[in-house]
Amino acid sequence: MSKNSIFLFLFLFVFSATLYAQKTEKVCGEYKYFAPENVSEEQAKQTALKRAIQEALAEKFGTTVMQQNATAVKNENGKSEVLFLSQGGSEVKGEWIETLKEPVYHTVYEQGMLVVSVSVCGKARAIVSAGIDFSAKILCNGVEAKFESDNFKHGDDIYLLFRSPVEGYLAVYLIDASQTAFCLLPYPDDAEGKVKIKAGKDYIFFSEKHADRAEMSIVTEYMMTCEKSSEQNFLYVIFSPNEFTKANDSDIHEESSYVLPRELSYEDFQKWLTKNRGRDKDMKVDMKPLTIKK
């Protein structure tokens, strides 16, 4: 085989693999959620939406059923006892890439109970690999795992505890109630525009005290705020072993006495995220809903 033939073969192989990685399909789902008394309407809508997406993915791509069994022998006071342990679960074999249009909600009360129905359509793709099992914990007013929470009060400090089993790159965006995407990480003064992550290291972000010495000067500490009595925000934790740069955001707070995150519209953020996920099959996104109250 000539060098030209080998080059053509490799090119076609890489090109076809890229097309396969980018292949997405339209999926739609519906769900009816009966909310407990202590769940707000906004929280109920997010739960209904999450389950509608999960059911849509499961119907389109199927699920993997996992079962793990173990047997142990316990000896006590000369007597033996056989213990049988079993743990099971299921996982959908697809991932949601992009929501095509606004989900449609229908809210009613049935016998005093809040019932939220939702329908949603989006683009999704099959999961062809196990993916990266990183850990991302949102912390409220503390930097230890015990402070993990998705409920904040106006003025509470927020931190991110992150750990990945592999090296890679990390970005974090907050979507507020006005549908604005704020880039929390990389930090506003980070000229590199990307955050390199080492494998197996625990990171505490948004805390100057816990940053590496070389990064202390660029660390920004954040606190959660809200204008209404209660608001729903979303934190996107985006990680990939492959290098990527943050979205093309802007600093529109030049006259402010505080260092504020760079921002862009939610629509532009979604376009950036969809493009990156289409190109990078290893990119993983963990979206966490946060509730802020006065």
C-alpha atoms as a PDB file:
ATOM      1  CA  MET A   1       0.000   0.000   0.000  1.00  0.00           C
ATOM      2  CA  SER A   2       1.404   3.411  -0.967  1.00  0.00           C
ATOM      3  CA  LYS A   3       1.912   6.281   1.478  1.00  0.00           C
ATOM      4  CA  ASN A   4      -0.879   8.199  -0.229  1.00  0.00           C
ATOM      5  CA  SER A   5      -3.253   5.235   0.176  1.00  0.00           C
ATOM      6  CA  ILE A   6      -2.333   4.891   3.841  1.00  0.00           C
ATOM      7  CA  PHE A   7      -2.937   8.609   4.398  1.00  0.00           C
ATOM      8  CA  LEU A   8      -6.302   8.436   2.623  1.00  0.00           C
ATOM      9  CA  PHE A   9      -7.316   5.407   4.673  1.00  0.00           C
ATOM     10  CA  LEU A  10      -6.405   7.113   7.950  1.00  0.00           C
ATOM     11  CA  PHE A  11      -8.190  10.299   6.896  1.00  0.00           C
ATOM     12  CA  LEU A  12     -11.376   8.423   6.025  1.00  0.00           C
ATOM     13  CA  PHE A  13     -11.176   6.446   9.263  1.00  0.00           C
ATOM     14  CA  VAL A  14     -10.805   9.573  11.433  1.00  0.00           C
ATOM     15  CA  PHE A  15     -13.469  11.433   9.430  1.00  0.00           C
ATOM     16  CA  SER A  16     -16.000   8.602   9.752  1.00  0.00           C
ATOM     17  CA  ALA A  17     -15.230   8.230  13.462  1.00  0.00           C
ATOM     18  CA  THR A  18     -15.845  11.961  13.928  1.00  0.00           C
ATOM     19  CA  LEU A  19     -19.161  11.750  12.113  1.00  0.00           C
ATOM     20  CA  TYR A  20     -20.150   8.827  14.292  1.00  0.00           C
ATOM     21  CA  ALA A  21     -19.237  10.751  17.444  1.00  0.00           C
ATOM     22  CA  GLN A  22     -21.336  13.692  16.293  1.00  0.00           C
ATOM     23  CA  LYS A  23     -24.392  11.684  15.272  1.00  0.00           C
ATOM     24  CA  THR A  24     -27.469  12.877  17.135  1.00  0.00           C
ATOM     25  CA  GLU A  25     -31.155  11.994  16.940  1.00  0.00           C
ATOM     26  CA  LYS A  26     -34.304  13.870  17.830  1.00  0.00           C
ATOM     27  CA  VAL A  27     -36.090  12.479  20.877  1.00  0.00           C
ATOM     28  CA  CYS A  28     -39.200  13.619  22.750  1.00  0.00           C
ATOM     29  CA  GLY A  29     -40.572  12.751  26.159  1.00  0.00           C
ATOM     30  CA  GLU A  30     -43.407  13.471  28.560  1.00  0.00           C
ATOM     31  CA  TYR A  31     -43.805  13.087  32.301  1.00  0.00           C
ATOM     32  CA  LYS A  32     -46.445  13.732  34.955  1.00  0.00           C
ATOM     33  CA  TYR A  33     -45.037  14.520  38.387  1.00  0.00           C
ATOM     34  CA  PHE A  34     -47.018  14.463  41.645  1.00  0.00           C
ATOM     35  CA  ALA A  35     -45.104  16.815  43.935  1.00  0.00           C
ATOM     36  CA  PRO A  36     -44.846  16.372  47.727  1.00  0.00           C
ATOM     37  CA  GLU A  37     -46.081  19.222  49.926  1.00  0.00           C
ATOM     38  CA  ASN A  38     -42.570  20.556  50.673  1.00  0.00           C
ATOM     39  CA  VAL A  39     -41.642  20.952  46.971  1.00  0.00           C
ATOM     40  CA  SER A  40     -42.134  24.331  45.283  1.00  0.00           C
ATOM     41  CA  GLU A  41     -43.690  24.658  41.836  1.00  0.00           C
ATOM     42  CA  GLU A  42     -40.339  25.598  40.282  1.00  0.00           C
ATOM     43  CA  GLN A  43     -38.620  22.581  41.859  1.00  0.00           C
ATOM     44  CA  ALA A  44     -41.484  20.340  40.710  1.00  0.00           C
ATOM     45  CA  LYS A  45     -41.064  21.586  37.148  1.00  0.00           C
ATOM     46  CA  GLN A  46     -37.349  20.773  37.177  1.00  0.00           C
ATOM     47  CA  THR A  47     -37.967  17.286  38.563  1.00  0.00           C
ATOM     48  CA  ALA A  48     -40.649  16.637  35.942  1.00  0.00           C
ATOM     49  CA  LEU A  49     -38.357  17.861  33.169  1.00  0.00           C
ATOM     50  CA  LYS A  50     -35.442  15.728  34.357  1.00  0.00           C
ATOM     51  CA  ARG A  51     -37.610  12.603  34.449  1.00  0.00           C
ATOM     52  CA  ALA A  52     -39.157  13.369  31.055  1.00  0.00           C
ATOM     53  CA  ILE A  53     -35.662  13.534  29.569  1.00  0.00           C
ATOM     54  CA  GLN A  54     -34.618  10.312  31.293  1.00  0.00           C
ATOM     55  CA  GLU A  55     -37.674   8.462  29.996  1.00  0.00           C
ATOM     56  CA  ALA A  56     -37.133   9.816  26.478  1.00  0.00           C
ATOM     57  CA  LEU A  57     -33.516   8.622  26.517  1.00  0.00           C
ATOM     58  CA  ALA A  58     -34.475   5.239  27.938  1.00  0.00           C
ATOM     59  CA  GLU A  59     -37.168   4.707  25.301  1.00  0.00           C
ATOM     60  CA  LYS A  60     -34.832   5.670  22.458  1.00  0.00           C
ATOM     61  CA  PHE A  61     -31.556   4.096  23.537  1.00  0.00           C
ATOM     62  CA  GLY A  62     -32.552   1.594  26.229  1.00  0.00           C
ATOM     63  CA  THR A  63     -31.111   1.043  29.691  1.00  0.00           C
ATOM     64  CA  THR A  64     -28.358  -1.040  31.218  1.00  0.00           C
ATOM     65  CA  VAL A  65     -29.417  -3.113  34.221  1.00  0.00           C
ATOM     66  CA  MET A  66     -26.657  -3.652  36.769  1.00  0.00           C
ATOM     67  CA  GLN A  67     -26.748  -6.317  39.473  1.00  0.00           C
ATOM     68  CA  GLN A  68     -23.992  -7.044  41.971  1.00  0.00           C
ATOM     69  CA  ASN A  69     -24.215  -9.935  44.414  1.00  0.00           C
ATOM     70  CA  ALA A  70     -21.907 -10.910  47.261  1.00  0.00           C
ATOM     71  CA  THR A  71     -21.920 -13.624  49.909  1.00  0.00           C
ATOM     72  CA  ALA A  72     -20.238 -13.271  53.294  1.00  0.00           C
ATOM     73  CA  VAL A  73     -19.905 -15.611  56.270  1.00  0.00           C
ATOM     74  CA  LYS A  74     -20.279 -14.093  59.730  1.00  0.00           C
ATOM     75  CA  ASN A  75     -18.881 -15.976  62.748  1.00  0.00           C
ATOM     76  CA  GLU A  76     -20.070 -14.969  66.204  1.00  0.00           C
ATOM     77  CA  ASN A  77     -19.955 -16.953  69.458  1.00  0.00           C
ATOM     78  CA  GLY A  78     -19.094 -20.132  67.593  1.00  0.00           C
ATOM     79  CA  LYS A  79     -22.065 -19.805  65.235  1.00  0.00           C
ATOM     80  CA  SER A  80     -21.847 -19.168  61.510  1.00  0.00           C
ATOM     81  CA  GLU A  81     -24.292 -17.039  59.550  1.00  0.00           C
ATOM     82  CA  VAL A  82     -24.326 -16.658  55.776  1.00  0.00           C
ATOM     83  CA  LEU A  83     -25.115 -13.125  54.592  1.00  0.00           C
ATOM     84  CA  PHE A  84     -26.288 -12.507  51.041  1.00  0.00           C
ATOM     85  CA  LEU A  85     -25.890  -8.962  49.752  1.00  0.00           C
ATOM     86  CA  SER A  86     -27.414  -7.649  46.541  1.00  0.00           C
ATOM     87  CA  GLN A  87     -27.221  -4.226  44.913  1.00  0.00           C
ATOM     88  CA  GLY A  88     -28.865  -3.270  41.652  1.00  0.00           C
ATOM     89  CA  GLY A  89     -29.716  -0.325  39.458  1.00  0.00           C
ATOM     90  CA  SER A  90     -30.191   0.855  35.904  1.00  0.00           C
ATOM     91  CA  GLU A  91     -28.636   3.515  33.698  1.00  0.00           C
ATOM     92  CA  VAL A  92     -29.839   4.994  30.415  1.00  0.00           C
ATOM     93  CA  LYS A  93     -27.606   4.393  27.397  1.00  0.00           C
ATOM     94  CA  GLY A  94     -28.053   7.858  25.898  1.00  0.00           C
ATOM     95  CA  GLU A  95     -27.223  11.472  26.737  1.00  0.00           C
ATOM     96  CA  TRP A  96     -29.144  14.690  26.145  1.00  0.00           C
ATOM     97  CA  ILE A  97     -27.206  17.151  23.991  1.00  0.00           C
ATOM     98  CA  GLU A  98     -29.577  20.041  23.291  1.00  0.00           C
ATOM     99  CA  THR A  99     -33.150  21.097  24.045  1.00  0.00           C
ATOM    100  CA  LEU A 100     -34.733  22.172  20.762  1.00  0.00           C
ATOM    101  CA  LYS A 101     -37.364  24.496  22.186  1.00  0.00           C
ATOM    102  CA  GLU A 102     -38.841  25.534  25.498  1.00  0.00           C
ATOM    103  CA  PRO A 103     -40.463  22.640  27.417  1.00  0.00           C
ATOM    104  CA  VAL A 104     -44.255  22.880  27.680  1.00  0.00           C
ATOM    105  CA  TYR A 105     -45.619  22.692  31.238  1.00  0.00           C
ATOM    106  CA  HIS A 106     -49.142  22.164  32.517  1.00  0.00           C
ATOM    107  CA  THR A 107     -49.749  22.714  36.225  1.00  0.00           C
ATOM    108  CA  VAL A 108     -52.888  21.713  38.144  1.00  0.00           C
ATOM    109  CA  TYR A 109     -53.932  20.792  41.664  1.00  0.00           C
ATOM    110  CA  GLU A 110     -55.583  17.408  42.184  1.00  0.00           C
ATOM    111  CA  GLN A 111     -57.070  16.813  45.629  1.00  0.00           C
ATOM    112  CA  GLY A 112     -54.797  19.512  47.036  1.00  0.00           C
ATOM    113  CA  MET A 113     -51.660  18.023  45.455  1.00  0.00           C
ATOM    114  CA  LEU A 114     -49.519  19.905  42.934  1.00  0.00           C
ATOM    115  CA  VAL A 115     -49.299  18.003  39.642  1.00  0.00           C
ATOM    116  CA  VAL A 116     -46.879  19.122  36.920  1.00  0.00           C
ATOM    117  CA  SER A 117     -46.955  17.673  33.400  1.00  0.00           C
ATOM    118  CA  VAL A 118     -44.212  18.472  30.906  1.00  0.00           C
ATOM    119  CA  SER A 119     -43.338  17.625  27.318  1.00  0.00           C
ATOM    120  CA  VAL A 120     -39.894  18.259  25.816  1.00  0.00           C
ATOM    121  CA  CYS A 121     -37.973  17.540  22.610  1.00  0.00           C
ATOM    122  CA  GLY A 122     -34.243  17.649  22.022  1.00  0.00           C
ATOM    123  CA  LYS A 123     -31.208  16.171  20.367  1.00  0.00           C
ATOM    124  CA  ALA A 124     -29.516  13.181  21.973  1.00  0.00           C
ATOM    125  CA  ARG A 125     -26.951  10.527  21.172  1.00  0.00           C
ATOM    126  CA  ALA A 126     -26.128   7.024  22.291  1.00  0.00           C
ATOM    127  CA  ILE A 127     -23.459   6.556  24.938  1.00  0.00           C
ATOM    128  CA  VAL A 128     -20.772   4.353  23.415  1.00  0.00           C
ATOM    129  CA  SER A 129     -18.287   4.470  26.303  1.00  0.00           C
ATOM    130  CA  ALA A 130     -18.384   4.395  30.093  1.00  0.00           C
ATOM    131  CA  GLY A 131     -17.552   8.114  30.349  1.00  0.00           C
ATOM    132  CA  ILE A 132     -15.593   9.932  33.035  1.00  0.00           C
ATOM    133  CA  ASP A 133     -16.939   9.563  36.545  1.00  0.00           C
ATOM    134  CA  PHE A 134     -15.864  12.896  38.039  1.00  0.00           C
ATOM    135  CA  SER A 135     -17.176  14.244  41.335  1.00  0.00           C
ATOM    136  CA  ALA A 136     -18.605  17.773  41.604  1.00  0.00           C
ATOM    137  CA  LYS A 137     -20.178  18.924  44.876  1.00  0.00           C
ATOM    138  CA  ILE A 138     -21.762  22.351  45.346  1.00  0.00           C
ATOM    139  CA  LEU A 139     -21.016  23.647  48.846  1.00  0.00           C
ATOM    140  CA  CYS A 140     -22.824  26.321  50.869  1.00  0.00           C
ATOM    141  CA  ASN A 141     -20.900  28.404  53.454  1.00  0.00           C
ATOM    142  CA  GLY A 142     -18.198  25.768  53.933  1.00  0.00           C
ATOM    143  CA  VAL A 143     -15.457  23.943  52.040  1.00  0.00           C
ATOM    144  CA  GLU A 144     -16.017  20.367  53.246  1.00  0.00           C
ATOM    145  CA  ALA A 145     -18.238  17.745  51.626  1.00  0.00           C
ATOM    146  CA  LYS A 146     -20.682  17.931  54.553  1.00  0.00           C
ATOM    147  CA  PHE A 147     -21.689  21.430  53.361  1.00  0.00           C
ATOM    148  CA  GLU A 148     -23.044  20.107  50.039  1.00  0.00           C
ATOM    149  CA  SER A 149     -26.400  21.731  49.268  1.00  0.00           C
ATOM    150  CA  ASP A 150     -28.639  22.917  46.465  1.00  0.00           C
ATOM    151  CA  ASN A 151     -30.477  25.437  48.666  1.00  0.00           C
ATOM    152  CA  PHE A 152     -28.997  28.874  49.346  1.00  0.00           C
ATOM    153  CA  LYS A 153     -30.057  32.068  51.067  1.00  0.00           C
ATOM    154  CA  HIS A 154     -29.324  35.545  49.730  1.00  0.00           C
ATOM    155  CA  GLY A 155     -25.701  36.307  50.671  1.00  0.00           C
ATOM    156  CA  ASP A 156     -24.535  32.705  51.146  1.00  0.00           C
ATOM    157  CA  ASP A 157     -21.072  31.791  49.889  1.00  0.00           C
ATOM    158  CA  ILE A 158     -20.775  29.109  47.202  1.00  0.00           C
ATOM    159  CA  TYR A 159     -17.849  26.747  46.637  1.00  0.00           C
ATOM    160  CA  LEU A 160     -17.170  23.847  44.300  1.00  0.00           C
ATOM    161  CA  LEU A 161     -15.453  20.654  45.453  1.00  0.00           C
ATOM    162  CA  PHE A 162     -14.157  18.860  42.354  1.00  0.00           C
ATOM    163  CA  ARG A 163     -12.190  15.690  41.660  1.00  0.00           C
ATOM    164  CA  SER A 164     -11.506  13.781  38.444  1.00  0.00           C
ATOM    165  CA  PRO A 165      -9.871  10.360  37.921  1.00  0.00           C
ATOM    166  CA  VAL A 166      -8.145  11.667  34.772  1.00  0.00           C
ATOM    167  CA  GLU A 167      -6.424  14.859  33.672  1.00  0.00           C
ATOM    168  CA  GLY A 168      -8.489  17.310  31.699  1.00  0.00           C
ATOM    169  CA  TYR A 169     -10.082  20.734  31.481  1.00  0.00           C
ATOM    170  CA  LEU A 170     -12.914  22.293  33.485  1.00  0.00           C
ATOM    171  CA  ALA A 171     -15.387  25.153  33.026  1.00  0.00           C
ATOM    172  CA  VAL A 172     -18.279  26.226  35.266  1.00  0.00           C
ATOM    173  CA  TYR A 173     -21.228  28.431  34.271  1.00  0.00           C
ATOM    174  CA  LEU A 174     -24.154  29.742  36.316  1.00  0.00           C
ATOM    175  CA  ILE A 175     -27.498  30.420  34.617  1.00  0.00           C
ATOM    176  CA  ASP A 176     -29.586  32.867  36.622  1.00  0.00           C
ATOM    177  CA  ALA A 177     -33.300  33.701  36.575  1.00  0.00           C
ATOM    178  CA  SER A 178     -32.806  36.306  33.820  1.00  0.00           C
ATOM    179  CA  GLN A 179     -31.451  33.619  31.459  1.00  0.00           C
ATOM    180  CA  THR A 180     -27.932  35.039  31.585  1.00  0.00           C
ATOM    181  CA  ALA A 181     -24.933  32.687  31.626  1.00  0.00           C
ATOM    182  CA  PHE A 182     -22.105  33.763  33.957  1.00  0.00           C
ATOM    183  CA  CYS A 183     -18.656  32.198  33.590  1.00  0.00           C
ATOM    184  CA  LEU A 184     -17.575  31.350  37.158  1.00  0.00           C
ATOM    185  CA  LEU A 185     -14.611  29.270  36.003  1.00  0.00           C
ATOM    186  CA  PRO A 186     -12.167  30.136  34.445  1.00  0.00           C
ATOM    187  CA  TYR A 187     -11.973  33.139  36.763  1.00  0.00           C
ATOM    188  CA  PRO A 188     -12.568  36.622  35.285  1.00  0.00           C
ATOM    189  CA  ASP A 189      -8.847  37.530  35.519  1.00  0.00           C
ATOM    190  CA  ASP A 190      -7.593  34.223  34.115  1.00  0.00           C
ATOM    191  CA  ALA A 191      -5.831  35.143  30.871  1.00  0.00           C
ATOM    192  CA  GLU A 192      -5.482  31.486  29.808  1.00  0.00           C
ATOM    193  CA  GLY A 193      -9.232  30.997  29.419  1.00  0.00           C
ATOM    194  CA  LYS A 194      -9.109  27.368  30.552  1.00  0.00           C
ATOM    195  CA  VAL A 195      -8.579  25.456  33.788  1.00  0.00           C
ATOM    196  CA  LYS A 196      -6.252  22.442  33.721  1.00  0.00           C
ATOM    197  CA  ILE A 197      -7.195  19.642  36.126  1.00  0.00           C
ATOM    198  CA  LYS A 198      -4.790  17.050  37.527  1.00  0.00           C
ATOM    199  CA  ALA A 199      -5.936  13.474  38.021  1.00  0.00           C
ATOM    200  CA  GLY A 200      -6.879  12.391  41.542  1.00  0.00           C
ATOM    201  CA  LYS A 201      -6.557  15.842  43.124  1.00  0.00           C
ATOM    202  CA  ASP A 202      -9.242  17.473  45.273  1.00  0.00           C
ATOM    203  CA  TYR A 203      -9.929  21.054  44.206  1.00  0.00           C
ATOM    204  CA  ILE A 204     -11.845  23.681  46.173  1.00  0.00           C
ATOM    205  CA  PHE A 205     -12.815  26.429  43.743  1.00  0.00           C
ATOM    206  CA  PHE A 206     -14.032  29.963  44.566  1.00  0.00           C
ATOM    207  CA  SER A 207     -11.858  30.042  47.705  1.00  0.00           C
ATOM    208  CA  GLU A 208      -8.627  32.075  47.729  1.00  0.00           C
ATOM    209  CA  LYS A 209      -7.484  30.394  50.946  1.00  0.00           C
ATOM    210  CA  HIS A 210      -7.584  26.928  49.331  1.00  0.00           C
ATOM    211  CA  ALA A 211      -6.104  27.839  45.955  1.00  0.00           C
ATOM    212  CA  ASP A 212      -2.572  27.030  44.841  1.00  0.00           C
ATOM    213  CA  ARG A 213      -0.123  29.835  45.620  1.00  0.00           C
ATOM    214  CA  ALA A 214       0.356  30.653  41.936  1.00  0.00           C
ATOM    215  CA  GLU A 215      -3.411  31.068  41.414  1.00  0.00           C
ATOM    216  CA  MET A 216      -4.371  33.066  44.519  1.00  0.00           C
ATOM    217  CA  SER A 217      -4.149  36.394  42.704  1.00  0.00           C
ATOM    218  CA  ILE A 218      -6.836  35.437  40.165  1.00  0.00           C
ATOM    219  CA  VAL A 219      -9.287  33.603  42.437  1.00  0.00           C
ATOM    220  CA  THR A 220     -12.758  35.136  42.661  1.00  0.00           C
ATOM    221  CA  GLU A 221     -15.021  34.294  45.593  1.00  0.00           C
ATOM    222  CA  TYR A 222     -18.750  34.284  44.905  1.00  0.00           C
ATOM    223  CA  MET A 223     -21.930  34.633  46.919  1.00  0.00           C
ATOM    224  CA  MET A 224     -25.449  33.802  45.838  1.00  0.00           C
ATOM    225  CA  THR A 225     -28.000  36.599  45.438  1.00  0.00           C
ATOM    226  CA  CYS A 226     -31.617  36.890  44.368  1.00  0.00           C
ATOM    227  CA  GLU A 227     -33.967  39.780  43.650  1.00  0.00           C
ATOM    228  CA  LYS A 228     -37.229  37.918  44.258  1.00  0.00           C
ATOM    229  CA  SER A 229     -38.294  35.951  47.299  1.00  0.00           C
ATOM    230  CA  SER A 230     -37.127  32.770  45.570  1.00  0.00           C
ATOM    231  CA  GLU A 231     -35.205  32.104  42.358  1.00  0.00           C
ATOM    232  CA  GLN A 232     -34.033  29.029  40.488  1.00  0.00           C
ATOM    233  CA  ASN A 233     -30.484  28.978  39.080  1.00  0.00           C
ATOM    234  CA  PHE A 234     -28.553  26.258  37.280  1.00  0.00           C
ATOM    235  CA  LEU A 235     -24.880  25.447  37.630  1.00  0.00           C
ATOM    236  CA  TYR A 236     -23.215  23.720  34.658  1.00  0.00           C
ATOM    237  CA  VAL A 237     -20.039  21.772  35.489  1.00  0.00           C
ATOM    238  CA  ILE A 238     -18.306  20.967  32.180  1.00  0.00           C
ATOM    239  CA  PHE A 239     -15.289  18.639  31.996  1.00  0.00           C
ATOM    240  CA  SER A 240     -13.337  16.937  29.232  1.00  0.00           C
ATOM    241  CA  PRO A 241      -9.965  15.170  28.965  1.00  0.00           C
ATOM    242  CA  ASN A 242      -9.607  17.095  25.703  1.00  0.00           C
ATOM    243  CA  GLU A 243      -8.620  20.755  25.634  1.00  0.00           C
ATOM    244  CA  PHE A 244     -11.359  23.338  25.047  1.00  0.00           C
ATOM    245  CA  THR A 245     -11.772  27.046  25.706  1.00  0.00           C
ATOM    246  CA  LYS A 246     -14.571  28.918  27.404  1.00  0.00           C
ATOM    247  CA  ALA A 247     -17.385  30.563  25.510  1.00  0.00           C
ATOM    248  CA  ASN A 248     -16.965  34.002  23.926  1.00  0.00           C
ATOM    249  CA  ASP A 249     -18.307  35.965  26.893  1.00  0.00           C
ATOM    250  CA  SER A 250     -17.987  39.673  27.733  1.00  0.00           C
ATOM    251  CA  ASP A 251     -17.172  41.876  30.712  1.00  0.00           C
ATOM    252  CA  ILE A 252     -19.913  44.506  30.922  1.00  0.00           C
ATOM    253  CA  HIS A 253     -19.231  45.542  34.532  1.00  0.00           C
ATOM    254  CA  GLU A 254     -16.104  47.654  34.006  1.00  0.00           C
ATOM    255  CA  GLU A 255     -17.287  50.440  36.336  1.00  0.00           C
ATOM    256  CA  SER A 256     -18.214  48.097  39.172  1.00  0.00           C
ATOM    257  CA  SER A 257     -16.121  48.100  42.353  1.00  0.00           C
ATOM    258  CA  TYR A 258     -16.494  44.297  42.497  1.00  0.00           C
ATOM    259  CA  VAL A 259     -14.988  41.632  40.274  1.00  0.00           C
ATOM    260  CA  LEU A 260     -18.022  40.152  38.533  1.00  0.00           C
ATOM    261  CA  PRO A 261     -18.145  37.111  36.237  1.00  0.00           C
ATOM    262  CA  ARG A 262     -17.980  37.541  32.495  1.00  0.00           C
ATOM    263  CA  GLU A 263     -21.317  36.803  30.853  1.00  0.00           C
ATOM    264  CA  LEU A 264     -23.202  35.932  27.690  1.00  0.00           C
ATOM    265  CA  SER A 265     -26.803  35.128  26.818  1.00  0.00           C
ATOM    266  CA  TYR A 266     -28.151  31.699  27.669  1.00  0.00           C
ATOM    267  CA  GLU A 267     -28.887  31.139  23.968  1.00  0.00           C
ATOM    268  CA  ASP A 268     -25.265  31.809  22.987  1.00  0.00           C
ATOM    269  CA  PHE A 269     -24.055  29.632  25.849  1.00  0.00           C
ATOM    270  CA  GLN A 270     -26.200  26.732  24.649  1.00  0.00           C
ATOM    271  CA  LYS A 271     -24.899  27.147  21.093  1.00  0.00           C
ATOM    272  CA  TRP A 272     -21.318  27.011  22.376  1.00  0.00           C
ATOM    273  CA  LEU A 273     -22.011  23.985  24.575  1.00  0.00           C
ATOM    274  CA  THR A 274     -23.870  22.091  21.832  1.00  0.00           C
ATOM    275  CA  LYS A 275     -21.044  22.688  19.348  1.00  0.00           C
ATOM    276  CA  ASN A 276     -18.421  21.461  21.811  1.00  0.00           C
ATOM    277  CA  ARG A 277     -20.362  18.370  22.808  1.00  0.00           C
ATOM    278  CA  GLY A 278     -20.953  17.540  19.148  1.00  0.00           C
ATOM    279  CA  ARG A 279     -17.209  17.637  18.500  1.00  0.00           C
ATOM    280  CA  ASP A 280     -16.096  15.990  21.735  1.00  0.00           C
ATOM    281  CA  LYS A 281     -17.712  12.684  22.671  1.00  0.00           C
ATOM    282  CA  ASP A 282     -15.696  12.643  25.923  1.00  0.00           C
ATOM    283  CA  MET A 283     -17.101  15.934  27.215  1.00  0.00           C
ATOM    284  CA  LYS A 284     -19.345  15.441  30.230  1.00  0.00           C
ATOM    285  CA  VAL A 285     -21.802  17.987  31.628  1.00  0.00           C
ATOM    286  CA  ASP A 286     -23.303  17.887  35.120  1.00  0.00           C
ATOM    287  CA  MET A 287     -26.187  20.367  35.465  1.00  0.00           C
ATOM    288  CA  LYS A 288     -27.178  21.153  39.043  1.00  0.00           C
ATOM    289  CA  PRO A 289     -30.364  23.131  39.917  1.00  0.00           C
ATOM    290  CA  LEU A 290     -29.929  25.611  42.777  1.00  0.00           C
ATOM    291  CA  THR A 291     -32.633  27.404  44.748  1.00  0.00           C
ATOM    292  CA  ILE A 292     -31.892  30.834  46.261  1.00  0.00           C
ATOM    293  CA  LYS A 293     -34.258  32.474  48.751  1.00  0.00           C
ATOM    294  CA  LYS A 294     -34.332  35.849  50.491  1.00  0.00           C
END
